[in-house]
């Protein structure tokens, strides 16, 4: 069971326990599932949205090819993370037209008053991931294990932002990574 309480302040604190059941306090539902979402959506006009992104191979036929390339780099004794390995893989990718795209690995929505109203990691098959971009995103393969796929996350997310102005930094990139469009939005980089 997960409980929400903090005797010393008015803010709820999440305290996990050993059970996998769900507990609700006020309007918040918390569980050991990989999604956090308010049960009652705020009536505010504005929400802020942010995604952390990873790179995946955009063409499924390239995925097996890239696995073979990584194996070949290992056989050539190119150390993982070495400039020689990166150069070898980049040159081979470019010469064979292998392309990547940015996709959302996590998404967070925050209300006008700063409350987190939605957070979820998004599952992507490890075989299609080119880079978790951990140094920027903090995301690792372990974060995405056993999480819900993008389609299920969008079914929860879209009703939350419907009719609201979404605010964010380069928020159009976040929507592209989620594979959706939304209006109205306010990009703080434009101001």
N, C-alpha and C. Protein backbone atom coordinates (compact mmCIF):
# COMPACT_ATOMS: atom_id res chain seq x y z
N UNK A 1 0.85 -1.18 0.00
CA UNK A 1 0.00 0.00 0.00
C UNK A 1 0.89 1.23 0.00
N UNK A 2 0.46 2.26 -0.68
CA UNK A 2 1.15 3.54 -0.70
C UNK A 2 0.27 4.52 0.03
N UNK A 3 0.87 5.28 0.92
CA UNK A 3 0.08 6.24 1.67
C UNK A 3 0.56 7.65 1.37
N UNK A 4 -0.31 8.59 1.54
CA UNK A 4 0.02 9.99 1.35
C UNK A 4 -0.24 10.72 2.66
N UNK A 5 0.83 11.20 3.27
CA UNK A 5 0.64 12.01 4.47
C UNK A 5 1.97 12.58 4.90
N UNK A 6 1.90 13.68 5.56
CA UNK A 6 3.07 14.30 6.14
C UNK A 6 2.56 15.13 7.31
N UNK A 7 2.79 14.64 8.50
CA UNK A 7 2.26 15.28 9.70
C UNK A 7 2.81 16.69 9.90
N UNK A 8 4.07 16.92 9.44
CA UNK A 8 4.73 18.18 9.75
C UNK A 8 4.38 19.31 8.79
N UNK A 9 3.74 19.02 7.66
CA UNK A 9 3.37 20.09 6.73
C UNK A 9 2.04 19.76 6.09
N UNK A 10 1.52 20.72 5.37
CA UNK A 10 0.24 20.51 4.70
C UNK A 10 0.39 19.80 3.37
N UNK A 11 1.63 19.65 2.89
CA UNK A 11 1.84 19.00 1.60
C UNK A 11 1.87 17.49 1.79
N UNK A 12 1.22 16.74 0.88
CA UNK A 12 1.26 15.29 0.99
C UNK A 12 2.64 14.76 0.62
N UNK A 13 3.06 13.73 1.32
CA UNK A 13 4.33 13.07 1.01
C UNK A 13 4.02 11.64 0.63
N UNK A 14 4.70 11.14 -0.38
CA UNK A 14 4.46 9.78 -0.84
C UNK A 14 5.38 8.84 -0.06
N UNK A 15 4.78 7.83 0.57
CA UNK A 15 5.55 6.87 1.35
C UNK A 15 5.21 5.47 0.88
N UNK A 16 6.08 4.85 0.05
CA UNK A 16 5.77 3.51 -0.45
C UNK A 16 5.92 2.46 0.64
N UNK A 17 5.14 1.41 0.51
CA UNK A 17 5.29 0.27 1.40
C UNK A 17 5.44 -0.98 0.54
N UNK A 18 5.35 -2.15 1.13
CA UNK A 18 5.64 -3.38 0.41
C UNK A 18 4.48 -3.89 -0.42
N UNK A 19 3.27 -3.45 -0.21
CA UNK A 19 2.11 -3.92 -0.96
C UNK A 19 2.03 -3.22 -2.32
N UNK A 20 1.33 -3.84 -3.28
CA UNK A 20 1.19 -3.22 -4.59
C UNK A 20 -0.19 -2.62 -4.80
N UNK A 21 -0.97 -2.50 -3.75
CA UNK A 21 -2.31 -1.94 -3.90
C UNK A 21 -2.25 -0.42 -4.01
N UNK A 22 -3.38 0.18 -4.29
CA UNK A 22 -3.45 1.62 -4.49
C UNK A 22 -4.18 2.27 -3.33
N UNK A 23 -3.75 3.44 -2.95
CA UNK A 23 -4.41 4.21 -1.91
C UNK A 23 -4.76 5.57 -2.49
N UNK A 24 -5.87 6.12 -2.06
CA UNK A 24 -6.22 7.47 -2.52
C UNK A 24 -6.44 8.37 -1.32
N UNK A 25 -5.98 9.58 -1.43
CA UNK A 25 -6.20 10.59 -0.41
C UNK A 25 -6.54 11.87 -1.15
N UNK A 26 -7.63 12.50 -0.81
CA UNK A 26 -8.03 13.70 -1.54
C UNK A 26 -8.33 13.34 -2.98
N UNK A 27 -7.69 14.04 -3.89
CA UNK A 27 -7.92 13.79 -5.31
C UNK A 27 -6.75 13.08 -5.98
N UNK A 28 -5.83 12.54 -5.19
CA UNK A 28 -4.63 11.93 -5.77
C UNK A 28 -4.71 10.42 -5.70
N UNK A 29 -4.40 9.77 -6.80
CA UNK A 29 -4.28 8.32 -6.82
C UNK A 29 -2.81 7.98 -6.99
N UNK A 30 -2.29 7.19 -6.10
CA UNK A 30 -0.89 6.82 -6.17
C UNK A 30 -0.79 5.31 -6.07
N UNK A 31 0.03 4.72 -6.90
CA UNK A 31 0.25 3.28 -6.84
C UNK A 31 1.68 3.00 -7.22
N UNK A 32 2.04 1.76 -7.19
CA UNK A 32 3.38 1.38 -7.61
C UNK A 32 3.46 1.20 -9.12
N UNK A 33 2.36 1.49 -9.82
CA UNK A 33 2.39 1.49 -11.28
C UNK A 33 3.26 2.66 -11.73
N UNK A 34 3.73 2.64 -12.97
CA UNK A 34 4.64 3.69 -13.42
C UNK A 34 3.97 5.00 -13.83
N UNK A 35 2.76 5.25 -13.37
CA UNK A 35 2.05 6.45 -13.76
C UNK A 35 1.52 7.15 -12.51
N UNK A 36 1.65 8.46 -12.47
CA UNK A 36 1.09 9.28 -11.40
C UNK A 36 0.10 10.22 -12.07
N UNK A 37 -1.11 10.27 -11.56
CA UNK A 37 -2.13 11.12 -12.17
C UNK A 37 -3.15 11.53 -11.12
N UNK A 38 -3.57 12.78 -11.15
CA UNK A 38 -4.65 13.23 -10.28
C UNK A 38 -5.96 12.59 -10.72
N UNK A 39 -6.80 12.26 -9.78
CA UNK A 39 -8.11 11.71 -10.11
C UNK A 39 -9.06 12.80 -10.58
N UNK A 40 -8.93 13.98 -10.01
CA UNK A 40 -9.77 15.11 -10.39
C UNK A 40 -8.85 16.13 -11.05
N UNK A 41 -9.10 16.42 -12.31
CA UNK A 41 -8.24 17.33 -13.04
C UNK A 41 -8.53 18.76 -12.64
N UNK A 42 -7.49 19.58 -12.50
CA UNK A 42 -7.71 20.98 -12.13
C UNK A 42 -8.48 21.72 -13.23
N UNK A 43 -9.25 22.71 -12.83
CA UNK A 43 -10.05 23.49 -13.78
C UNK A 43 -9.26 24.67 -14.33
N UNK A 44 -7.96 24.66 -14.17
CA UNK A 44 -7.13 25.77 -14.61
C UNK A 44 -7.06 25.83 -16.14
N UNK A 45 -6.73 27.02 -16.65
CA UNK A 45 -6.64 27.21 -18.10
C UNK A 45 -5.28 26.80 -18.65
N UNK A 46 -4.25 26.81 -17.79
CA UNK A 46 -2.89 26.60 -18.25
C UNK A 46 -2.26 25.39 -17.56
N UNK A 47 -1.49 24.64 -18.31
CA UNK A 47 -0.66 23.58 -17.75
C UNK A 47 0.69 23.65 -18.44
N UNK A 48 1.70 23.15 -17.78
CA UNK A 48 3.04 23.08 -18.35
C UNK A 48 3.34 21.62 -18.65
N UNK A 49 3.94 21.36 -19.81
CA UNK A 49 4.25 20.00 -20.22
C UNK A 49 5.72 19.92 -20.57
N UNK A 50 6.37 18.84 -20.17
CA UNK A 50 7.78 18.62 -20.51
C UNK A 50 8.02 17.14 -20.72
N UNK A 51 8.82 16.83 -21.72
CA UNK A 51 9.20 15.44 -22.02
C UNK A 51 10.71 15.30 -21.93
N UNK A 52 11.16 14.15 -21.49
CA UNK A 52 12.55 13.75 -21.65
C UNK A 52 12.57 12.80 -22.83
N UNK A 53 13.57 12.95 -23.69
CA UNK A 53 13.56 12.20 -24.94
C UNK A 53 14.73 11.24 -25.07
N UNK A 54 14.51 10.21 -25.90
CA UNK A 54 15.55 9.26 -26.28
C UNK A 54 15.55 9.19 -27.80
N UNK A 55 16.60 8.59 -28.36
CA UNK A 55 16.68 8.41 -29.81
C UNK A 55 16.41 6.95 -30.15
N UNK A 56 15.56 6.73 -31.15
CA UNK A 56 15.32 5.37 -31.63
C UNK A 56 15.60 5.32 -33.13
N UNK A 57 15.85 4.10 -33.63
CA UNK A 57 16.00 3.92 -35.07
C UNK A 57 14.63 4.09 -35.69
N UNK A 58 14.52 5.01 -36.65
CA UNK A 58 13.20 5.32 -37.21
C UNK A 58 12.70 4.28 -38.20
N UNK A 59 13.59 3.50 -38.79
CA UNK A 59 13.18 2.49 -39.77
C UNK A 59 13.44 1.10 -39.19
N UNK A 60 12.40 0.27 -39.04
CA UNK A 60 12.57 -1.06 -38.44
C UNK A 60 13.62 -1.92 -39.13
N UNK A 61 13.80 -1.77 -40.45
CA UNK A 61 14.78 -2.61 -41.15
C UNK A 61 16.22 -2.28 -40.73
N UNK A 62 16.43 -1.09 -40.17
CA UNK A 62 17.78 -0.71 -39.75
C UNK A 62 18.15 -1.26 -38.38
N UNK A 63 17.16 -1.70 -37.63
CA UNK A 63 17.43 -2.12 -36.25
C UNK A 63 18.35 -3.34 -36.19
N UNK A 64 18.09 -4.34 -37.02
CA UNK A 64 18.94 -5.52 -37.03
C UNK A 64 20.33 -5.17 -37.55
N UNK A 65 20.37 -4.30 -38.55
CA UNK A 65 21.64 -3.85 -39.11
C UNK A 65 22.50 -3.19 -38.03
N UNK A 66 21.89 -2.34 -37.21
CA UNK A 66 22.64 -1.64 -36.18
C UNK A 66 23.10 -2.59 -35.07
N UNK A 67 22.31 -3.62 -34.77
CA UNK A 67 22.78 -4.62 -33.81
C UNK A 67 24.06 -5.28 -34.32
N UNK A 68 24.05 -5.60 -35.63
CA UNK A 68 25.23 -6.21 -36.23
C UNK A 68 26.42 -5.25 -36.19
N UNK A 69 26.19 -3.97 -36.42
CA UNK A 69 27.27 -2.99 -36.37
C UNK A 69 27.89 -2.90 -34.98
N UNK A 70 27.04 -2.89 -33.96
CA UNK A 70 27.56 -2.83 -32.59
C UNK A 70 28.38 -4.07 -32.28
N UNK A 71 27.95 -5.23 -32.76
CA UNK A 71 28.71 -6.46 -32.57
C UNK A 71 30.04 -6.36 -33.29
N UNK A 72 30.03 -5.83 -34.51
CA UNK A 72 31.27 -5.68 -35.27
C UNK A 72 32.22 -4.73 -34.55
N UNK A 73 31.70 -3.64 -34.00
CA UNK A 73 32.53 -2.70 -33.25
C UNK A 73 33.15 -3.39 -32.04
N UNK A 74 32.38 -4.27 -31.39
CA UNK A 74 32.92 -5.04 -30.26
C UNK A 74 34.03 -5.96 -30.72
N UNK A 75 33.83 -6.61 -31.87
CA UNK A 75 34.84 -7.52 -32.40
C UNK A 75 36.11 -6.78 -32.81
N UNK A 76 35.96 -5.55 -33.25
CA UNK A 76 37.12 -4.73 -33.62
C UNK A 76 37.81 -4.16 -32.38
N UNK A 77 37.31 -4.53 -31.22
CA UNK A 77 37.88 -4.10 -29.93
C UNK A 77 37.81 -2.58 -29.74
N UNK A 78 36.76 -2.00 -30.27
CA UNK A 78 36.56 -0.58 -30.04
C UNK A 78 35.80 -0.43 -28.73
N UNK A 79 36.43 0.18 -27.76
CA UNK A 79 35.84 0.30 -26.42
C UNK A 79 34.56 1.12 -26.46
N UNK A 80 33.57 0.65 -25.70
CA UNK A 80 32.31 1.40 -25.61
C UNK A 80 32.59 2.79 -25.07
N UNK A 81 32.01 3.78 -25.72
CA UNK A 81 32.21 5.16 -25.31
C UNK A 81 33.46 5.80 -25.90
N UNK A 82 34.27 5.04 -26.63
CA UNK A 82 35.50 5.61 -27.19
C UNK A 82 35.19 6.42 -28.44
N UNK A 83 36.00 7.44 -28.72
CA UNK A 83 35.79 8.23 -29.94
C UNK A 83 35.89 7.37 -31.20
N UNK A 84 36.78 6.37 -31.21
CA UNK A 84 36.94 5.50 -32.39
C UNK A 84 35.66 4.71 -32.66
N UNK A 85 35.04 4.20 -31.60
CA UNK A 85 33.79 3.45 -31.76
C UNK A 85 32.68 4.36 -32.28
N UNK A 86 32.56 5.54 -31.67
CA UNK A 86 31.53 6.49 -32.10
C UNK A 86 31.72 6.88 -33.56
N UNK A 87 32.98 7.13 -33.95
CA UNK A 87 33.27 7.51 -35.33
C UNK A 87 32.94 6.37 -36.29
N UNK A 88 33.30 5.14 -35.92
CA UNK A 88 33.01 3.96 -36.75
C UNK A 88 31.51 3.79 -36.94
N UNK A 89 30.75 3.84 -35.85
CA UNK A 89 29.30 3.65 -35.93
C UNK A 89 28.63 4.78 -36.70
N UNK A 90 29.08 6.02 -36.47
CA UNK A 90 28.48 7.16 -37.16
C UNK A 90 28.73 7.07 -38.66
N UNK A 91 29.98 6.78 -39.04
CA UNK A 91 30.32 6.70 -40.47
C UNK A 91 29.53 5.59 -41.15
N UNK A 92 29.41 4.44 -40.51
CA UNK A 92 28.68 3.31 -41.10
C UNK A 92 27.19 3.64 -41.20
N UNK A 93 26.62 4.25 -40.16
CA UNK A 93 25.21 4.66 -40.19
C UNK A 93 24.95 5.60 -41.35
N UNK A 94 25.80 6.61 -41.48
CA UNK A 94 25.61 7.61 -42.54
C UNK A 94 25.72 6.99 -43.92
N UNK A 95 26.68 6.09 -44.11
CA UNK A 95 26.87 5.49 -45.44
C UNK A 95 25.75 4.52 -45.81
N UNK A 96 25.01 4.04 -44.82
CA UNK A 96 23.91 3.11 -45.09
C UNK A 96 22.54 3.77 -44.91
N UNK A 97 22.51 5.08 -44.68
CA UNK A 97 21.24 5.80 -44.59
C UNK A 97 20.40 5.46 -43.38
N UNK A 98 21.04 5.06 -42.28
CA UNK A 98 20.31 4.74 -41.06
C UNK A 98 19.91 6.05 -40.37
N UNK A 99 18.62 6.18 -40.07
CA UNK A 99 18.14 7.42 -39.46
C UNK A 99 17.56 7.16 -38.07
N UNK A 100 17.62 8.19 -37.26
CA UNK A 100 17.06 8.13 -35.91
C UNK A 100 16.01 9.22 -35.76
N UNK A 101 15.17 9.07 -34.74
CA UNK A 101 14.23 10.14 -34.39
C UNK A 101 14.14 10.22 -32.88
N UNK A 102 13.72 11.39 -32.41
CA UNK A 102 13.54 11.63 -30.98
C UNK A 102 12.12 11.24 -30.59
N UNK A 103 12.00 10.47 -29.51
CA UNK A 103 10.69 10.10 -28.98
C UNK A 103 10.68 10.37 -27.48
N UNK A 104 9.50 10.55 -26.94
CA UNK A 104 9.36 10.83 -25.51
C UNK A 104 9.60 9.56 -24.70
N UNK A 105 10.44 9.66 -23.68
CA UNK A 105 10.67 8.55 -22.75
C UNK A 105 9.94 8.80 -21.44
N UNK A 106 9.65 10.06 -21.16
CA UNK A 106 8.82 10.40 -20.00
C UNK A 106 8.09 11.70 -20.31
N UNK A 107 6.97 11.87 -19.65
CA UNK A 107 6.19 13.10 -19.84
C UNK A 107 5.65 13.53 -18.48
N UNK A 108 5.73 14.84 -18.24
CA UNK A 108 5.21 15.40 -16.99
C UNK A 108 4.32 16.59 -17.32
N UNK A 109 3.23 16.71 -16.57
CA UNK A 109 2.33 17.86 -16.71
C UNK A 109 2.17 18.47 -15.32
N UNK A 110 2.34 19.79 -15.25
CA UNK A 110 2.27 20.52 -13.99
C UNK A 110 1.18 21.59 -14.13
N UNK A 111 0.40 21.76 -13.07
CA UNK A 111 -0.69 22.75 -13.08
C UNK A 111 -0.14 24.16 -12.88
N UNK A 112 -1.02 25.15 -13.03
CA UNK A 112 -0.65 26.56 -12.82
C UNK A 112 -0.04 26.80 -11.46
N UNK A 113 -0.54 26.10 -10.44
CA UNK A 113 -0.04 26.34 -9.08
C UNK A 113 1.17 25.49 -8.73
N UNK A 114 1.73 24.77 -9.71
CA UNK A 114 2.96 24.02 -9.49
C UNK A 114 2.78 22.58 -9.05
N UNK A 115 1.55 22.09 -9.01
CA UNK A 115 1.31 20.70 -8.62
C UNK A 115 1.51 19.77 -9.81
N UNK A 116 2.21 18.67 -9.58
CA UNK A 116 2.36 17.67 -10.63
C UNK A 116 1.01 16.97 -10.77
N UNK A 117 0.43 17.04 -11.96
CA UNK A 117 -0.87 16.39 -12.16
C UNK A 117 -0.75 15.13 -13.01
N UNK A 118 0.41 14.94 -13.65
CA UNK A 118 0.61 13.72 -14.43
C UNK A 118 2.10 13.50 -14.63
N UNK A 119 2.53 12.24 -14.46
CA UNK A 119 3.91 11.86 -14.78
C UNK A 119 3.91 10.40 -15.18
N UNK A 120 4.63 10.09 -16.26
CA UNK A 120 4.75 8.69 -16.68
C UNK A 120 6.02 8.50 -17.49
N UNK A 121 6.66 7.35 -17.30
CA UNK A 121 7.71 6.89 -18.21
C UNK A 121 7.01 6.11 -19.32
N UNK A 122 7.62 6.08 -20.50
CA UNK A 122 7.02 5.44 -21.66
C UNK A 122 7.92 4.30 -22.13
N UNK A 123 7.32 3.14 -22.31
CA UNK A 123 8.09 1.95 -22.71
C UNK A 123 8.44 1.99 -24.19
N UNK A 124 9.71 1.72 -24.49
CA UNK A 124 10.19 1.51 -25.86
C UNK A 124 11.01 0.23 -25.83
N UNK A 125 10.87 -0.61 -26.85
CA UNK A 125 11.64 -1.85 -26.92
C UNK A 125 13.13 -1.50 -26.95
N UNK A 126 13.94 -2.12 -26.09
CA UNK A 126 15.37 -1.81 -26.06
C UNK A 126 16.06 -2.00 -27.42
N UNK A 127 15.58 -2.94 -28.22
CA UNK A 127 16.21 -3.21 -29.51
C UNK A 127 16.12 -2.03 -30.48
N UNK A 128 15.14 -1.15 -30.30
CA UNK A 128 15.01 -0.03 -31.23
C UNK A 128 15.63 1.25 -30.69
N UNK A 129 16.13 1.23 -29.45
CA UNK A 129 16.71 2.43 -28.84
C UNK A 129 18.15 2.58 -29.30
N UNK A 130 18.45 3.73 -29.86
CA UNK A 130 19.82 4.05 -30.24
C UNK A 130 20.57 4.64 -29.05
N UNK A 131 19.94 5.61 -28.38
CA UNK A 131 20.58 6.26 -27.24
C UNK A 131 19.52 6.70 -26.23
N UNK A 132 19.78 6.42 -24.96
CA UNK A 132 18.90 6.89 -23.90
C UNK A 132 19.20 8.34 -23.53
N UNK A 133 20.29 8.88 -24.05
CA UNK A 133 20.70 10.26 -23.78
C UNK A 133 20.72 10.55 -22.29
N UNK A 134 21.23 9.57 -21.54
CA UNK A 134 21.22 9.63 -20.08
C UNK A 134 21.89 10.88 -19.54
N UNK A 135 22.96 11.33 -20.19
CA UNK A 135 23.68 12.50 -19.69
C UNK A 135 22.82 13.76 -19.69
N UNK A 136 21.79 13.82 -20.53
CA UNK A 136 20.88 14.97 -20.55
C UNK A 136 19.54 14.66 -19.91
N UNK A 137 19.03 13.46 -20.17
CA UNK A 137 17.67 13.13 -19.73
C UNK A 137 17.61 12.46 -18.36
N UNK A 138 18.69 11.80 -17.98
CA UNK A 138 18.67 11.01 -16.76
C UNK A 138 17.99 9.66 -16.95
N UNK A 139 17.47 9.39 -18.14
CA UNK A 139 16.75 8.15 -18.45
C UNK A 139 17.73 7.02 -18.73
N UNK A 140 17.45 5.86 -18.17
CA UNK A 140 18.20 4.64 -18.48
C UNK A 140 17.21 3.56 -18.91
N UNK A 141 17.73 2.46 -19.42
CA UNK A 141 16.87 1.35 -19.85
C UNK A 141 15.99 0.88 -18.70
N UNK A 142 16.53 0.88 -17.49
CA UNK A 142 15.78 0.40 -16.32
C UNK A 142 14.53 1.25 -16.06
N UNK A 143 14.59 2.55 -16.32
CA UNK A 143 13.43 3.43 -16.11
C UNK A 143 12.25 3.02 -16.98
N UNK A 144 12.53 2.45 -18.15
CA UNK A 144 11.46 2.15 -19.12
C UNK A 144 10.98 0.71 -19.07
N UNK A 145 11.67 -0.14 -18.30
CA UNK A 145 11.27 -1.55 -18.19
C UNK A 145 9.88 -1.66 -17.56
N UNK A 146 9.01 -2.43 -18.20
CA UNK A 146 7.69 -2.71 -17.65
C UNK A 146 6.72 -1.54 -17.66
N UNK A 147 7.07 -0.45 -18.31
CA UNK A 147 6.18 0.71 -18.35
C UNK A 147 5.17 0.56 -19.49
N UNK A 148 4.20 1.45 -19.53
CA UNK A 148 3.14 1.43 -20.55
C UNK A 148 3.68 2.00 -21.86
N UNK A 149 3.17 1.48 -23.00
CA UNK A 149 3.58 2.04 -24.30
C UNK A 149 2.95 3.41 -24.54
N UNK A 150 3.47 4.10 -25.53
CA UNK A 150 3.04 5.47 -25.83
C UNK A 150 1.53 5.58 -26.02
N UNK A 151 0.93 4.66 -26.75
CA UNK A 151 -0.51 4.74 -27.03
C UNK A 151 -1.33 4.78 -25.74
N UNK A 152 -0.98 3.95 -24.77
CA UNK A 152 -1.71 3.93 -23.49
C UNK A 152 -1.48 5.21 -22.70
N UNK A 153 -0.26 5.73 -22.74
CA UNK A 153 0.04 6.98 -22.03
C UNK A 153 -0.75 8.13 -22.65
N UNK A 154 -0.83 8.16 -23.98
CA UNK A 154 -1.59 9.24 -24.64
C UNK A 154 -3.07 9.19 -24.30
N UNK A 155 -3.61 7.98 -24.11
CA UNK A 155 -5.02 7.86 -23.71
C UNK A 155 -5.28 8.51 -22.36
N UNK A 156 -4.28 8.55 -21.50
CA UNK A 156 -4.40 9.21 -20.19
C UNK A 156 -4.07 10.70 -20.28
N UNK A 157 -3.09 11.03 -21.10
CA UNK A 157 -2.58 12.40 -21.18
C UNK A 157 -3.51 13.35 -21.93
N UNK A 158 -4.03 12.93 -23.06
CA UNK A 158 -4.81 13.83 -23.91
C UNK A 158 -6.03 14.45 -23.22
N UNK A 159 -6.81 13.69 -22.44
CA UNK A 159 -7.93 14.33 -21.73
C UNK A 159 -7.47 15.40 -20.72
N UNK A 160 -6.27 15.22 -20.18
CA UNK A 160 -5.73 16.17 -19.21
C UNK A 160 -5.45 17.54 -19.82
N UNK A 161 -4.95 17.55 -21.06
CA UNK A 161 -4.54 18.82 -21.66
C UNK A 161 -5.61 19.40 -22.61
N UNK A 162 -6.65 18.64 -22.85
CA UNK A 162 -7.71 19.10 -23.76
C UNK A 162 -8.32 20.41 -23.25
N UNK A 163 -8.38 21.41 -24.14
CA UNK A 163 -8.98 22.69 -23.79
C UNK A 163 -8.10 23.60 -22.95
N UNK A 164 -6.87 23.18 -22.68
CA UNK A 164 -5.96 23.99 -21.86
C UNK A 164 -4.84 24.54 -22.74
N UNK A 165 -4.33 25.71 -22.37
CA UNK A 165 -3.14 26.24 -23.03
C UNK A 165 -1.94 25.54 -22.41
N UNK A 166 -1.14 24.91 -23.25
CA UNK A 166 0.04 24.18 -22.77
C UNK A 166 1.26 25.10 -22.92
N UNK A 167 1.98 25.25 -21.83
CA UNK A 167 3.15 26.13 -21.77
C UNK A 167 4.39 25.26 -21.62
N UNK A 168 5.46 25.64 -22.32
CA UNK A 168 6.71 24.91 -22.18
C UNK A 168 7.81 25.55 -22.99
N UNK A 169 9.04 25.09 -22.76
CA UNK A 169 10.20 25.55 -23.52
C UNK A 169 10.35 24.63 -24.72
N UNK A 170 10.28 25.21 -25.92
CA UNK A 170 10.33 24.43 -27.17
C UNK A 170 9.31 23.29 -27.10
N UNK A 171 8.10 23.62 -26.63
CA UNK A 171 7.05 22.63 -26.39
C UNK A 171 6.65 21.91 -27.68
N UNK A 172 6.87 22.53 -28.83
CA UNK A 172 6.57 21.85 -30.10
C UNK A 172 7.42 20.59 -30.26
N UNK A 173 8.66 20.61 -29.72
CA UNK A 173 9.50 19.41 -29.76
C UNK A 173 8.91 18.30 -28.90
N UNK A 174 8.34 18.68 -27.76
CA UNK A 174 7.70 17.69 -26.89
C UNK A 174 6.51 17.05 -27.58
N UNK A 175 5.70 17.86 -28.25
CA UNK A 175 4.55 17.31 -28.98
C UNK A 175 5.00 16.42 -30.14
N UNK A 176 6.06 16.82 -30.84
CA UNK A 176 6.60 15.96 -31.91
C UNK A 176 7.07 14.63 -31.35
N UNK A 177 7.73 14.66 -30.19
CA UNK A 177 8.23 13.43 -29.57
C UNK A 177 7.09 12.53 -29.11
N UNK A 178 5.95 13.13 -28.78
CA UNK A 178 4.77 12.36 -28.40
C UNK A 178 3.94 11.95 -29.62
N UNK A 179 4.23 12.56 -30.77
CA UNK A 179 3.50 12.25 -31.99
C UNK A 179 2.10 12.85 -32.02
N UNK A 180 1.93 14.00 -31.36
CA UNK A 180 0.61 14.65 -31.30
C UNK A 180 0.75 16.14 -31.64
N UNK A 181 -0.38 16.77 -31.88
CA UNK A 181 -0.43 18.22 -32.02
C UNK A 181 -1.41 18.75 -30.97
N UNK A 182 -1.25 20.02 -30.63
CA UNK A 182 -2.14 20.61 -29.63
C UNK A 182 -2.17 22.12 -29.82
N UNK A 183 -3.32 22.67 -29.68
CA UNK A 183 -3.52 24.12 -29.68
C UNK A 183 -4.50 24.42 -28.56
N UNK A 184 -4.38 25.50 -27.86
CA UNK A 184 -3.34 26.51 -27.95
C UNK A 184 -2.11 26.11 -27.14
N UNK A 185 -0.99 26.70 -27.51
CA UNK A 185 0.22 26.50 -26.72
C UNK A 185 0.98 27.80 -26.62
N UNK A 186 1.85 27.87 -25.65
CA UNK A 186 2.66 29.06 -25.42
C UNK A 186 4.09 28.59 -25.20
N UNK A 187 4.95 28.92 -26.15
CA UNK A 187 6.35 28.52 -26.05
C UNK A 187 7.13 29.64 -25.37
N UNK A 188 7.69 29.37 -24.20
CA UNK A 188 8.38 30.42 -23.45
C UNK A 188 9.67 30.86 -24.13
N UNK A 189 10.16 30.09 -25.08
CA UNK A 189 11.36 30.51 -25.81
C UNK A 189 11.04 31.64 -26.79
N UNK A 190 9.78 31.84 -27.09
CA UNK A 190 9.37 32.91 -28.00
C UNK A 190 9.21 34.25 -27.28
N UNK A 191 9.34 34.25 -25.95
CA UNK A 191 9.09 35.49 -25.19
C UNK A 191 10.35 35.99 -24.54
